[in-house]
Amino acid sequence: MGKNKITFADIAKYTNFSKTTISRYFNNPDSLTLENQEIIAKALVDLDYQENKLAKVFANGKSEFVGVIVPNLYLHYYAEMLNQILNTYEKFGYKFLVFVSNSNEETERKYIRELLAYKIEGMIILSHKISSKELASYDVPIVVIEREDKYVNSVNTDNYIGAVQGTSLLFKNNCDILLHINSMVSKDVPAYARIQGFLDICKEYNIKHELIIRELGHSYEEINACMFEVYEYIKKKYPNQKKGLFLSNDTYANSILNIIFREYGMLPDEYRIIGFDDSPIAVSAIMPISTIAQQINKIAYEAMALLVVQMDERKKRRPKPQTELIHKNIMPALIRRKTTD
């Protein structure tokens, strides 16, 4: 028999089980004994059976799809996070429908409606325009990563510890002035702790510092133009001083490193640079960049594992509602490379 022609009736006849038993094997295998599961599994191999996934969706409403919405892919962090989320297929068996919202609220809302129409079983949200309160109103398990999370489960980096590590390293590099360069970040977003950690360490040790908060662009071209303006500002304001630059992500760090290299052909002793994320660009940059590693692979895995727990609970005959939100914090790690001593 050809692969696509094998039916439950064929499998039932081959195993001497009823079609109901075969259906239970696919939709509720735990209701069968291990012995019967093994008999049916062997029959599928013998018959060269290829499961009709679409028919399974129609039968039980479970698509085995998870929706993912990221705000952009020009920041290397999001590209690598998406890569690591997709890699969890081998462990958990869920496929993914991915949308890039370009940080537009109505676009995000449109994509969520689209995902729900495809009968997804859960969502991982990295975009941040829609409030967690609204996300919680959708009747689907949700885990968010590195965004406001008051009403939904989340997995985040301990951004404060990361900022303390990065700021302290620049201080130990004997810099005359420390500068943290970041975009506009709301205080209810976990990444705001990068700003707070920087300020707290500078104040605690009476370190000369400046916080530079600007709109830093929404494409590679815009980022490079904005970082050039920041570089010119820093160069003019702090001439002949050793400057420690703590960038809020590796994409920004790589951009300003390239600007400095174009002017000097090297990283002069006047500058020390550290990024945040440990995305691939930090290693592949013209000079490997010191950074705060977010353990992106671990965050992706933990987010998916947390989502699977919720989705599995929904499949039970009498699912228990979640009574307390889960917020997991993953510890960062300081990675020293060529842009610091």
C-alpha atoms as a PDB file:
ATOM      1  CA  MET A   1       0.000   0.000   0.000  1.00  0.00           C
ATOM      2  CA  GLY A   2       1.183   3.553  -0.706  1.00  0.00           C
ATOM      3  CA  LYS A   3       2.025   5.827   2.198  1.00  0.00           C
ATOM      4  CA  ASN A   4      -0.863   8.220   1.662  1.00  0.00           C
ATOM      5  CA  LYS A   5      -3.482   5.466   1.339  1.00  0.00           C
ATOM      6  CA  ILE A   6      -3.046   3.882   4.762  1.00  0.00           C
ATOM      7  CA  THR A   7      -6.140   4.507   6.916  1.00  0.00           C
ATOM      8  CA  PHE A   8      -7.097   3.810  10.514  1.00  0.00           C
ATOM      9  CA  ALA A   9      -9.194   0.915   9.152  1.00  0.00           C
ATOM     10  CA  ASP A  10      -6.071  -0.598   7.566  1.00  0.00           C
ATOM     11  CA  ILE A  11      -4.133  -0.316  10.810  1.00  0.00           C
ATOM     12  CA  ALA A  12      -7.049  -1.755  12.789  1.00  0.00           C
ATOM     13  CA  LYS A  13      -7.284  -4.734  10.453  1.00  0.00           C
ATOM     14  CA  TYR A  14      -3.522  -5.336  10.617  1.00  0.00           C
ATOM     15  CA  THR A  15      -3.430  -5.251  14.448  1.00  0.00           C
ATOM     16  CA  ASN A  16      -6.858  -6.749  15.170  1.00  0.00           C
ATOM     17  CA  PHE A  17      -7.709  -3.633  17.181  1.00  0.00           C
ATOM     18  CA  SER A  18     -10.774  -1.447  16.690  1.00  0.00           C
ATOM     19  CA  LYS A  19     -10.582   1.863  14.835  1.00  0.00           C
ATOM     20  CA  THR A  20     -11.438   3.531  18.152  1.00  0.00           C
ATOM     21  CA  THR A  21      -8.315   2.030  19.725  1.00  0.00           C
ATOM     22  CA  ILE A  22      -6.184   3.227  16.806  1.00  0.00           C
ATOM     23  CA  SER A  23      -7.662   6.713  17.172  1.00  0.00           C
ATOM     24  CA  ARG A  24      -6.840   6.685  20.897  1.00  0.00           C
ATOM     25  CA  TYR A  25      -3.228   5.795  20.044  1.00  0.00           C
ATOM     26  CA  PHE A  26      -2.871   9.016  18.057  1.00  0.00           C
ATOM     27  CA  ASN A  27      -4.938  11.323  20.244  1.00  0.00           C
ATOM     28  CA  ASN A  28      -4.578   9.919  23.770  1.00  0.00           C
ATOM     29  CA  PRO A  29      -1.826   7.263  23.792  1.00  0.00           C
ATOM     30  CA  ASP A  30      -1.601   7.161  27.597  1.00  0.00           C
ATOM     31  CA  SER A  31      -5.055   5.561  27.642  1.00  0.00           C
ATOM     32  CA  LEU A  32      -3.516   2.411  26.089  1.00  0.00           C
ATOM     33  CA  THR A  33      -1.199  -0.102  27.684  1.00  0.00           C
ATOM     34  CA  LEU A  34       2.455   0.084  26.716  1.00  0.00           C
ATOM     35  CA  GLU A  35       2.129  -3.318  25.080  1.00  0.00           C
ATOM     36  CA  ASN A  36      -0.691  -2.147  22.823  1.00  0.00           C
ATOM     37  CA  GLN A  37       1.165   1.072  22.025  1.00  0.00           C
ATOM     38  CA  GLU A  38       4.165  -0.978  20.911  1.00  0.00           C
ATOM     39  CA  ILE A  39       1.996  -3.244  18.738  1.00  0.00           C
ATOM     40  CA  ILE A  40       0.464  -0.267  16.953  1.00  0.00           C
ATOM     41  CA  ALA A  41       3.812   1.513  16.616  1.00  0.00           C
ATOM     42  CA  LYS A  42       5.286  -1.605  14.957  1.00  0.00           C
ATOM     43  CA  ALA A  43       2.292  -1.799  12.628  1.00  0.00           C
ATOM     44  CA  LEU A  44       2.863   1.782  11.501  1.00  0.00           C
ATOM     45  CA  VAL A  45       6.418   0.874  10.530  1.00  0.00           C
ATOM     46  CA  ASP A  46       5.333  -2.337   8.789  1.00  0.00           C
ATOM     47  CA  LEU A  47       2.644  -0.513   6.824  1.00  0.00           C
ATOM     48  CA  ASP A  48       4.897   2.466   6.052  1.00  0.00           C
ATOM     49  CA  TYR A  49       2.243   4.785   7.488  1.00  0.00           C
ATOM     50  CA  GLN A  50       2.549   8.559   7.026  1.00  0.00           C
ATOM     51  CA  GLU A  51       0.371  10.502   9.407  1.00  0.00           C
ATOM     52  CA  ASN A  52      -2.031  13.021   7.912  1.00  0.00           C
ATOM     53  CA  LYS A  53      -1.329  16.015  10.120  1.00  0.00           C
ATOM     54  CA  LEU A  54      -4.063  18.152   8.594  1.00  0.00           C
ATOM     55  CA  ALA A  55      -6.676  15.492   9.273  1.00  0.00           C
ATOM     56  CA  LYS A  56      -5.480  15.325  12.864  1.00  0.00           C
ATOM     57  CA  VAL A  57      -6.018  19.068  13.266  1.00  0.00           C
ATOM     58  CA  PHE A  58      -9.555  18.772  11.952  1.00  0.00           C
ATOM     59  CA  ALA A  59     -10.215  15.789  14.230  1.00  0.00           C
ATOM     60  CA  ASN A  60      -9.055  17.146  17.571  1.00  0.00           C
ATOM     61  CA  GLY A  61      -8.390  20.852  17.028  1.00  0.00           C
ATOM     62  CA  LYS A  62      -4.736  20.498  18.082  1.00  0.00           C
ATOM     63  CA  SER A  63      -2.407  21.925  15.448  1.00  0.00           C
ATOM     64  CA  GLU A  64       0.968  21.267  17.119  1.00  0.00           C
ATOM     65  CA  PHE A  65       1.844  24.827  16.049  1.00  0.00           C
ATOM     66  CA  VAL A  66       3.184  27.606  18.258  1.00  0.00           C
ATOM     67  CA  GLY A  67       3.009  31.229  17.154  1.00  0.00           C
ATOM     68  CA  VAL A  68       6.039  33.502  17.563  1.00  0.00           C
ATOM     69  CA  ILE A  69       6.038  37.277  17.172  1.00  0.00           C
ATOM     70  CA  VAL A  70       9.315  39.199  17.198  1.00  0.00           C
ATOM     71  CA  PRO A  71       9.563  42.995  16.860  1.00  0.00           C
ATOM     72  CA  ASN A  72      12.368  42.931  14.261  1.00  0.00           C
ATOM     73  CA  LEU A  73      15.290  40.926  12.922  1.00  0.00           C
ATOM     74  CA  TYR A  74      17.828  43.721  12.421  1.00  0.00           C
ATOM     75  CA  LEU A  75      18.889  43.444  16.060  1.00  0.00           C
ATOM     76  CA  HIS A  76      21.037  40.318  16.182  1.00  0.00           C
ATOM     77  CA  TYR A  77      19.536  39.309  19.531  1.00  0.00           C
ATOM     78  CA  TYR A  78      16.077  38.693  18.036  1.00  0.00           C
ATOM     79  CA  ALA A  79      17.473  36.789  15.065  1.00  0.00           C
ATOM     80  CA  GLU A  80      19.440  34.470  17.338  1.00  0.00           C
ATOM     81  CA  MET A  81      16.557  34.073  19.794  1.00  0.00           C
ATOM     82  CA  LEU A  82      14.284  33.039  16.938  1.00  0.00           C
ATOM     83  CA  ASN A  83      16.919  30.575  15.736  1.00  0.00           C
ATOM     84  CA  GLN A  84      17.126  28.997  19.186  1.00  0.00           C
ATOM     85  CA  ILE A  85      13.344  28.817  19.570  1.00  0.00           C
ATOM     86  CA  LEU A  86      13.052  26.995  16.240  1.00  0.00           C
ATOM     87  CA  ASN A  87      15.765  24.581  17.384  1.00  0.00           C
ATOM     88  CA  THR A  88      13.498  23.334  20.191  1.00  0.00           C
ATOM     89  CA  TYR A  89      11.477  21.342  17.639  1.00  0.00           C
ATOM     90  CA  GLU A  90      13.730  18.315  18.134  1.00  0.00           C
ATOM     91  CA  LYS A  91      12.970  18.301  21.869  1.00  0.00           C
ATOM     92  CA  PHE A  92       9.299  19.269  22.026  1.00  0.00           C
ATOM     93  CA  GLY A  93       7.935  18.445  18.552  1.00  0.00           C
ATOM     94  CA  TYR A  94       6.091  21.733  18.027  1.00  0.00           C
ATOM     95  CA  LYS A  95       6.289  23.627  14.748  1.00  0.00           C
ATOM     96  CA  PHE A  96       6.271  27.414  14.507  1.00  0.00           C
ATOM     97  CA  LEU A  97       4.449  30.177  12.666  1.00  0.00           C
ATOM     98  CA  VAL A  98       6.573  33.332  12.844  1.00  0.00           C
ATOM     99  CA  PHE A  99       5.655  36.968  12.288  1.00  0.00           C
ATOM    100  CA  VAL A 100       7.810  40.113  12.461  1.00  0.00           C
ATOM    101  CA  SER A 101       5.752  43.026  13.735  1.00  0.00           C
ATOM    102  CA  ASN A 102       8.223  45.879  13.112  1.00  0.00           C
ATOM    103  CA  SER A 103       7.152  47.221  16.519  1.00  0.00           C
ATOM    104  CA  ASN A 104       3.722  48.250  15.248  1.00  0.00           C
ATOM    105  CA  GLU A 105       0.823  47.744  17.661  1.00  0.00           C
ATOM    106  CA  GLU A 106      -1.905  47.195  15.074  1.00  0.00           C
ATOM    107  CA  THR A 107       0.349  44.877  13.094  1.00  0.00           C
ATOM    108  CA  GLU A 108       0.994  42.805  16.214  1.00  0.00           C
ATOM    109  CA  ARG A 109      -2.733  42.603  16.900  1.00  0.00           C
ATOM    110  CA  LYS A 110      -3.410  41.554  13.305  1.00  0.00           C
ATOM    111  CA  TYR A 111      -0.777  38.812  13.507  1.00  0.00           C
ATOM    112  CA  ILE A 112      -2.196  37.469  16.753  1.00  0.00           C
ATOM    113  CA  ARG A 113      -5.625  37.166  15.132  1.00  0.00           C
ATOM    114  CA  GLU A 114      -4.008  35.382  12.206  1.00  0.00           C
ATOM    115  CA  LEU A 115      -2.227  32.949  14.504  1.00  0.00           C
ATOM    116  CA  LEU A 116      -5.382  32.191  16.456  1.00  0.00           C
ATOM    117  CA  ALA A 117      -7.193  31.481  13.180  1.00  0.00           C
ATOM    118  CA  TYR A 118      -4.593  28.788  12.503  1.00  0.00           C
ATOM    119  CA  LYS A 119      -5.537  27.050  15.780  1.00  0.00           C
ATOM    120  CA  ILE A 120      -2.115  27.497  17.348  1.00  0.00           C
ATOM    121  CA  GLU A 121      -1.715  25.848  20.733  1.00  0.00           C
ATOM    122  CA  GLY A 122       0.397  28.600  22.292  1.00  0.00           C
ATOM    123  CA  MET A 123       2.390  31.778  21.636  1.00  0.00           C
ATOM    124  CA  ILE A 124       5.854  33.100  22.434  1.00  0.00           C
ATOM    125  CA  ILE A 125       5.878  36.892  22.272  1.00  0.00           C
ATOM    126  CA  LEU A 126       8.997  39.065  22.102  1.00  0.00           C
ATOM    127  CA  SER A 127       7.316  42.111  20.574  1.00  0.00           C
ATOM    128  CA  HIS A 128       6.243  44.685  23.103  1.00  0.00           C
ATOM    129  CA  LYS A 129       3.585  47.070  21.789  1.00  0.00           C
ATOM    130  CA  ILE A 130       0.587  45.147  23.151  1.00  0.00           C
ATOM    131  CA  SER A 131       0.226  45.073  26.941  1.00  0.00           C
ATOM    132  CA  SER A 132       0.503  41.810  28.845  1.00  0.00           C
ATOM    133  CA  LYS A 133      -3.015  42.460  30.153  1.00  0.00           C
ATOM    134  CA  GLU A 134      -4.368  42.288  26.617  1.00  0.00           C
ATOM    135  CA  LEU A 135      -2.241  39.235  25.820  1.00  0.00           C
ATOM    136  CA  ALA A 136      -3.660  37.471  28.863  1.00  0.00           C
ATOM    137  CA  SER A 137      -7.180  38.030  27.528  1.00  0.00           C
ATOM    138  CA  TYR A 138      -6.571  35.696  24.578  1.00  0.00           C
ATOM    139  CA  ASP A 139      -7.653  32.139  25.271  1.00  0.00           C
ATOM    140  CA  VAL A 140      -4.284  30.543  24.546  1.00  0.00           C
ATOM    141  CA  PRO A 141      -1.149  29.798  26.623  1.00  0.00           C
ATOM    142  CA  ILE A 142       1.447  32.555  26.294  1.00  0.00           C
ATOM    143  CA  VAL A 143       5.046  33.041  27.396  1.00  0.00           C
ATOM    144  CA  VAL A 144       6.810  36.354  26.809  1.00  0.00           C
ATOM    145  CA  ILE A 145      10.539  37.036  26.654  1.00  0.00           C
ATOM    146  CA  GLU A 146      12.236  40.276  27.724  1.00  0.00           C
ATOM    147  CA  ARG A 147       9.160  42.482  27.755  1.00  0.00           C
ATOM    148  CA  GLU A 148       6.514  43.769  30.174  1.00  0.00           C
ATOM    149  CA  ASP A 149       5.036  40.691  31.854  1.00  0.00           C
ATOM    150  CA  LYS A 150       2.691  41.677  34.671  1.00  0.00           C
ATOM    151  CA  TYR A 151      -0.183  39.432  33.523  1.00  0.00           C
ATOM    152  CA  VAL A 152       1.572  36.588  31.679  1.00  0.00           C
ATOM    153  CA  ASN A 153       4.331  34.030  32.245  1.00  0.00           C
ATOM    154  CA  SER A 154       7.816  35.094  31.194  1.00  0.00           C
ATOM    155  CA  VAL A 155      11.464  34.184  30.869  1.00  0.00           C
ATOM    156  CA  ASN A 156      13.995  36.996  31.169  1.00  0.00           C
ATOM    157  CA  THR A 157      17.664  37.656  31.739  1.00  0.00           C
ATOM    158  CA  ASP A 158      18.714  39.160  35.057  1.00  0.00           C
ATOM    159  CA  ASN A 159      19.484  42.438  33.307  1.00  0.00           C
ATOM    160  CA  TYR A 160      20.495  44.231  36.488  1.00  0.00           C
ATOM    161  CA  ILE A 161      23.266  41.748  37.285  1.00  0.00           C
ATOM    162  CA  GLY A 162      24.416  41.956  33.676  1.00  0.00           C
ATOM    163  CA  ALA A 163      24.649  45.740  33.845  1.00  0.00           C
ATOM    164  CA  VAL A 164      26.589  45.540  37.106  1.00  0.00           C
ATOM    165  CA  GLN A 165      29.042  43.100  35.502  1.00  0.00           C
ATOM    166  CA  GLY A 166      29.546  45.242  32.401  1.00  0.00           C
ATOM    167  CA  THR A 167      29.892  48.542  34.262  1.00  0.00           C
ATOM    168  CA  SER A 168      32.302  47.040  36.778  1.00  0.00           C
ATOM    169  CA  LEU A 169      34.526  45.661  34.005  1.00  0.00           C
ATOM    170  CA  LEU A 170      34.796  49.079  32.351  1.00  0.00           C
ATOM    171  CA  PHE A 171      35.617  50.634  35.732  1.00  0.00           C
ATOM    172  CA  LYS A 172      38.401  48.061  36.202  1.00  0.00           C
ATOM    173  CA  ASN A 173      39.737  49.077  32.775  1.00  0.00           C
ATOM    174  CA  ASN A 174      40.660  52.429  34.382  1.00  0.00           C
ATOM    175  CA  CYS A 175      38.356  54.485  32.176  1.00  0.00           C
ATOM    176  CA  ASP A 176      38.062  58.201  32.943  1.00  0.00           C
ATOM    177  CA  ILE A 177      34.396  58.335  31.964  1.00  0.00           C
ATOM    178  CA  LEU A 178      31.780  55.608  31.640  1.00  0.00           C
ATOM    179  CA  LEU A 179      28.919  56.013  29.173  1.00  0.00           C
ATOM    180  CA  HIS A 180      25.846  53.842  28.793  1.00  0.00           C
ATOM    181  CA  ILE A 181      24.191  54.146  25.375  1.00  0.00           C
ATOM    182  CA  ASN A 182      20.617  52.941  25.110  1.00  0.00           C
ATOM    183  CA  SER A 183      17.347  53.580  23.309  1.00  0.00           C
ATOM    184  CA  MET A 184      14.213  54.785  25.086  1.00  0.00           C
ATOM    185  CA  VAL A 185      13.156  51.969  27.414  1.00  0.00           C
ATOM    186  CA  SER A 186      10.051  51.884  29.595  1.00  0.00           C
ATOM    187  CA  LYS A 187      10.624  51.140  33.274  1.00  0.00           C
ATOM    188  CA  ASP A 188       8.258  48.158  33.167  1.00  0.00           C
ATOM    189  CA  VAL A 189      10.443  46.392  30.569  1.00  0.00           C
ATOM    190  CA  PRO A 190      13.106  44.031  32.033  1.00  0.00           C
ATOM    191  CA  ALA A 191      15.851  45.618  29.910  1.00  0.00           C
ATOM    192  CA  TYR A 192      15.424  48.884  31.831  1.00  0.00           C
ATOM    193  CA  ALA A 193      17.460  47.223  34.579  1.00  0.00           C
ATOM    194  CA  ARG A 194      20.517  47.655  32.335  1.00  0.00           C
ATOM    195  CA  ILE A 195      20.156  51.395  32.832  1.00  0.00           C
ATOM    196  CA  GLN A 196      19.483  51.075  36.551  1.00  0.00           C
ATOM    197  CA  GLY A 197      22.426  48.743  37.138  1.00  0.00           C
ATOM    198  CA  PHE A 198      24.779  51.117  35.322  1.00  0.00           C
ATOM    199  CA  LEU A 199      23.599  54.135  37.309  1.00  0.00           C
ATOM    200  CA  ASP A 200      23.736  52.336  40.667  1.00  0.00           C
ATOM    201  CA  ILE A 201      27.332  51.143  40.232  1.00  0.00           C
ATOM    202  CA  CYS A 202      28.505  54.559  39.028  1.00  0.00           C
ATOM    203  CA  LYS A 203      26.874  56.291  41.987  1.00  0.00           C
ATOM    204  CA  GLU A 204      28.045  53.699  44.511  1.00  0.00           C
ATOM    205  CA  TYR A 205      31.705  54.084  43.517  1.00  0.00           C
ATOM    206  CA  ASN A 206      31.478  57.771  42.583  1.00  0.00           C
ATOM    207  CA  ILE A 207      32.410  57.057  38.964  1.00  0.00           C
ATOM    208  CA  LYS A 208      32.210  59.858  36.426  1.00  0.00           C
ATOM    209  CA  HIS A 209      29.505  58.805  33.991  1.00  0.00           C
ATOM    210  CA  GLU A 210      26.846  59.820  31.499  1.00  0.00           C
ATOM    211  CA  LEU A 211      23.663  58.093  30.409  1.00  0.00           C
ATOM    212  CA  ILE A 212      22.949  58.655  26.702  1.00  0.00           C
ATOM    213  CA  ILE A 213      19.337  57.839  25.790  1.00  0.00           C
ATOM    214  CA  ARG A 214      18.344  58.385  22.175  1.00  0.00           C
ATOM    215  CA  GLU A 215      16.204  57.031  19.384  1.00  0.00           C
ATOM    216  CA  LEU A 216      18.745  54.716  17.757  1.00  0.00           C
ATOM    217  CA  GLY A 217      16.986  53.698  14.552  1.00  0.00           C
ATOM    218  CA  HIS A 218      14.964  50.855  13.086  1.00  0.00           C
ATOM    219  CA  SER A 219      17.293  49.460  10.410  1.00  0.00           C
ATOM    220  CA  TYR A 220      21.016  48.849   9.965  1.00  0.00           C
ATOM    221  CA  GLU A 221      21.344  52.111   8.056  1.00  0.00           C
ATOM    222  CA  GLU A 222      19.480  54.126  10.694  1.00  0.00           C
ATOM    223  CA  ILE A 223      21.413  52.489  13.540  1.00  0.00           C
ATOM    224  CA  ASN A 224      24.756  53.290  11.903  1.00  0.00           C
ATOM    225  CA  ALA A 225      23.727  56.905  11.304  1.00  0.00           C
ATOM    226  CA  CYS A 226      22.526  57.330  14.898  1.00  0.00           C
ATOM    227  CA  MET A 227      25.625  55.660  16.342  1.00  0.00           C
ATOM    228  CA  PHE A 228      27.829  57.954  14.248  1.00  0.00           C
ATOM    229  CA  GLU A 229      26.095  60.953  15.821  1.00  0.00           C
ATOM    230  CA  VAL A 230      26.619  59.462  19.290  1.00  0.00           C
ATOM    231  CA  TYR A 231      30.280  58.805  18.515  1.00  0.00           C
ATOM    232  CA  GLU A 232      30.856  62.376  17.334  1.00  0.00           C
ATOM    233  CA  TYR A 233      29.147  63.701  20.463  1.00  0.00           C
ATOM    234  CA  ILE A 234      31.312  61.551  22.751  1.00  0.00           C
ATOM    235  CA  LYS A 235      34.541  62.368  20.914  1.00  0.00           C
ATOM    236  CA  LYS A 236      33.966  66.118  21.155  1.00  0.00           C
ATOM    237  CA  LYS A 237      32.714  66.137  24.758  1.00  0.00           C
ATOM    238  CA  TYR A 238      35.425  63.888  26.217  1.00  0.00           C
ATOM    239  CA  PRO A 239      38.655  64.511  24.268  1.00  0.00           C
ATOM    240  CA  ASN A 240      41.854  62.943  25.601  1.00  0.00           C
ATOM    241  CA  GLN A 241      39.907  60.852  28.122  1.00  0.00           C
ATOM    242  CA  LYS A 242      39.691  57.075  28.256  1.00  0.00           C
ATOM    243  CA  LYS A 243      36.077  56.306  27.500  1.00  0.00           C
ATOM    244  CA  GLY A 244      34.287  53.127  28.597  1.00  0.00           C
ATOM    245  CA  LEU A 245      31.252  52.510  26.372  1.00  0.00           C
ATOM    246  CA  PHE A 246      28.539  50.169  27.645  1.00  0.00           C
ATOM    247  CA  LEU A 247      26.110  49.544  24.770  1.00  0.00           C
ATOM    248  CA  SER A 248      22.668  48.082  25.447  1.00  0.00           C
ATOM    249  CA  ASN A 249      23.122  45.349  22.813  1.00  0.00           C
ATOM    250  CA  ASP A 250      25.771  43.825  20.564  1.00  0.00           C
ATOM    251  CA  THR A 251      24.314  45.332  17.373  1.00  0.00           C
ATOM    252  CA  TYR A 252      24.937  48.842  18.731  1.00  0.00           C
ATOM    253  CA  ALA A 253      28.353  47.819  20.050  1.00  0.00           C
ATOM    254  CA  ASN A 254      29.349  46.439  16.654  1.00  0.00           C
ATOM    255  CA  SER A 255      28.159  49.603  14.917  1.00  0.00           C
ATOM    256  CA  ILE A 256      30.208  51.965  17.062  1.00  0.00           C
ATOM    257  CA  LEU A 257      33.220  49.645  16.890  1.00  0.00           C
ATOM    258  CA  ASN A 258      33.088  49.808  13.082  1.00  0.00           C
ATOM    259  CA  ILE A 259      32.886  53.607  13.203  1.00  0.00           C
ATOM    260  CA  ILE A 260      35.977  53.797  15.412  1.00  0.00           C
ATOM    261  CA  PHE A 261      37.839  51.333  13.189  1.00  0.00           C
ATOM    262  CA  ARG A 262      37.078  53.376  10.088  1.00  0.00           C
ATOM    263  CA  GLU A 263      38.690  56.392  11.733  1.00  0.00           C
ATOM    264  CA  TYR A 264      41.703  54.762  13.400  1.00  0.00           C
ATOM    265  CA  GLY A 265      42.169  51.391  11.701  1.00  0.00           C
ATOM    266  CA  MET A 266      42.136  49.863  15.181  1.00  0.00           C
ATOM    267  CA  LEU A 267      40.552  50.272  18.616  1.00  0.00           C
ATOM    268  CA  PRO A 268      42.735  52.905  20.303  1.00  0.00           C
ATOM    269  CA  ASP A 269      43.472  52.799  24.013  1.00  0.00           C
ATOM    270  CA  GLU A 270      41.133  55.784  24.335  1.00  0.00           C
ATOM    271  CA  TYR A 271      38.116  53.463  23.989  1.00  0.00           C
ATOM    272  CA  ARG A 272      36.856  50.353  25.732  1.00  0.00           C
ATOM    273  CA  ILE A 273      33.599  48.735  24.578  1.00  0.00           C
ATOM    274  CA  ILE A 274      31.203  46.179  26.017  1.00  0.00           C
ATOM    275  CA  GLY A 275      27.889  45.034  24.545  1.00  0.00           C
ATOM    276  CA  PHE A 276      24.965  42.965  25.777  1.00  0.00           C
ATOM    277  CA  ASP A 277      23.443  39.678  24.506  1.00  0.00           C
ATOM    278  CA  ASP A 278      26.383  37.607  23.208  1.00  0.00           C
ATOM    279  CA  SER A 279      24.635  37.313  19.854  1.00  0.00           C
ATOM    280  CA  PRO A 280      26.816  35.935  16.999  1.00  0.00           C
ATOM    281  CA  ILE A 281      27.887  39.418  15.870  1.00  0.00           C
ATOM    282  CA  ALA A 282      29.866  39.832  19.100  1.00  0.00           C
ATOM    283  CA  VAL A 283      32.215  37.039  18.020  1.00  0.00           C
ATOM    284  CA  SER A 284      32.284  37.729  14.274  1.00  0.00           C
ATOM    285  CA  ALA A 285      32.855  41.508  14.558  1.00  0.00           C
ATOM    286  CA  ILE A 286      36.027  43.061  13.139  1.00  0.00           C
ATOM    287  CA  MET A 287      37.351  42.734  16.699  1.00  0.00           C
ATOM    288  CA  PRO A 288      35.575  40.248  19.021  1.00  0.00           C
ATOM    289  CA  ILE A 289      33.436  42.301  21.393  1.00  0.00           C
ATOM    290  CA  SER A 290      33.281  41.879  25.166  1.00  0.00           C
ATOM    291  CA  THR A 291      29.663  41.364  26.144  1.00  0.00           C
ATOM    292  CA  ILE A 292      27.158  40.215  28.711  1.00  0.00           C
ATOM    293  CA  ALA A 293      25.954  36.791  27.577  1.00  0.00           C
ATOM    294  CA  GLN A 294      22.210  36.339  27.913  1.00  0.00           C
ATOM    295  CA  GLN A 295      22.402  32.544  27.416  1.00  0.00           C
ATOM    296  CA  ILE A 296      19.964  32.923  24.541  1.00  0.00           C
ATOM    297  CA  ASN A 297      19.750  29.165  23.961  1.00  0.00           C
ATOM    298  CA  LYS A 298      18.739  28.586  27.574  1.00  0.00           C
ATOM    299  CA  ILE A 299      16.142  31.372  27.534  1.00  0.00           C
ATOM    300  CA  ALA A 300      14.575  29.932  24.356  1.00  0.00           C
ATOM    301  CA  TYR A 301      14.517  26.432  25.824  1.00  0.00           C
ATOM    302  CA  GLU A 302      13.027  27.546  29.154  1.00  0.00           C
ATOM    303  CA  ALA A 303      10.371  29.632  27.381  1.00  0.00           C
ATOM    304  CA  MET A 304       9.323  26.691  25.256  1.00  0.00           C
ATOM    305  CA  ALA A 305       9.407  24.285  28.209  1.00  0.00           C
ATOM    306  CA  LEU A 306       7.186  26.634  30.225  1.00  0.00           C
ATOM    307  CA  LEU A 307       4.784  26.961  27.300  1.00  0.00           C
ATOM    308  CA  VAL A 308       4.622  23.176  26.801  1.00  0.00           C
ATOM    309  CA  VAL A 309       3.586  22.709  30.440  1.00  0.00           C
ATOM    310  CA  GLN A 310       0.656  25.070  29.867  1.00  0.00           C
ATOM    311  CA  MET A 311      -0.305  23.489  26.550  1.00  0.00           C
ATOM    312  CA  ASP A 312      -0.156  19.972  28.005  1.00  0.00           C
ATOM    313  CA  GLU A 313      -2.403  21.028  30.864  1.00  0.00           C
ATOM    314  CA  ARG A 314      -4.978  22.310  28.362  1.00  0.00           C
ATOM    315  CA  LYS A 315      -5.119  18.845  26.763  1.00  0.00           C
ATOM    316  CA  LYS A 316      -6.185  17.125  29.968  1.00  0.00           C
ATOM    317  CA  ARG A 317      -9.807  16.127  30.469  1.00  0.00           C
ATOM    318  CA  ARG A 318     -10.026  18.397  33.516  1.00  0.00           C
ATOM    319  CA  PRO A 319      -7.310  21.043  33.151  1.00  0.00           C
ATOM    320  CA  LYS A 320      -6.377  23.010  36.247  1.00  0.00           C
ATOM    321  CA  PRO A 321      -6.285  26.785  35.814  1.00  0.00           C
ATOM    322  CA  GLN A 322      -2.974  28.447  36.607  1.00  0.00           C
ATOM    323  CA  THR A 323      -3.180  30.203  39.972  1.00  0.00           C
ATOM    324  CA  GLU A 324       0.173  31.962  40.020  1.00  0.00           C
ATOM    325  CA  LEU A 325       2.268  33.449  37.210  1.00  0.00           C
ATOM    326  CA  ILE A 326       5.784  32.146  36.607  1.00  0.00           C
ATOM    327  CA  HIS A 327       8.615  34.588  35.910  1.00  0.00           C
ATOM    328  CA  LYS A 328      11.952  32.857  35.315  1.00  0.00           C
ATOM    329  CA  ASN A 329      15.195  34.814  35.489  1.00  0.00           C
ATOM    330  CA  ILE A 330      18.270  33.447  33.732  1.00  0.00           C
ATOM    331  CA  MET A 331      21.627  34.588  35.064  1.00  0.00           C
ATOM    332  CA  PRO A 332      23.910  36.311  32.517  1.00  0.00           C
ATOM    333  CA  ALA A 333      27.642  35.720  32.150  1.00  0.00           C
ATOM    334  CA  LEU A 334      30.413  38.234  31.516  1.00  0.00           C
ATOM    335  CA  ILE A 335      32.386  37.402  28.356  1.00  0.00           C
ATOM    336  CA  ARG A 336      35.720  39.184  28.036  1.00  0.00           C
ATOM    337  CA  ARG A 337      37.053  39.642  24.514  1.00  0.00           C
ATOM    338  CA  LYS A 338      39.330  42.070  22.671  1.00  0.00           C
ATOM    339  CA  THR A 339      37.430  45.328  23.269  1.00  0.00           C
ATOM    340  CA  THR A 340      38.265  45.392  26.987  1.00  0.00           C
ATOM    341  CA  ASP A 341      41.381  44.473  28.981  1.00  0.00           C
END
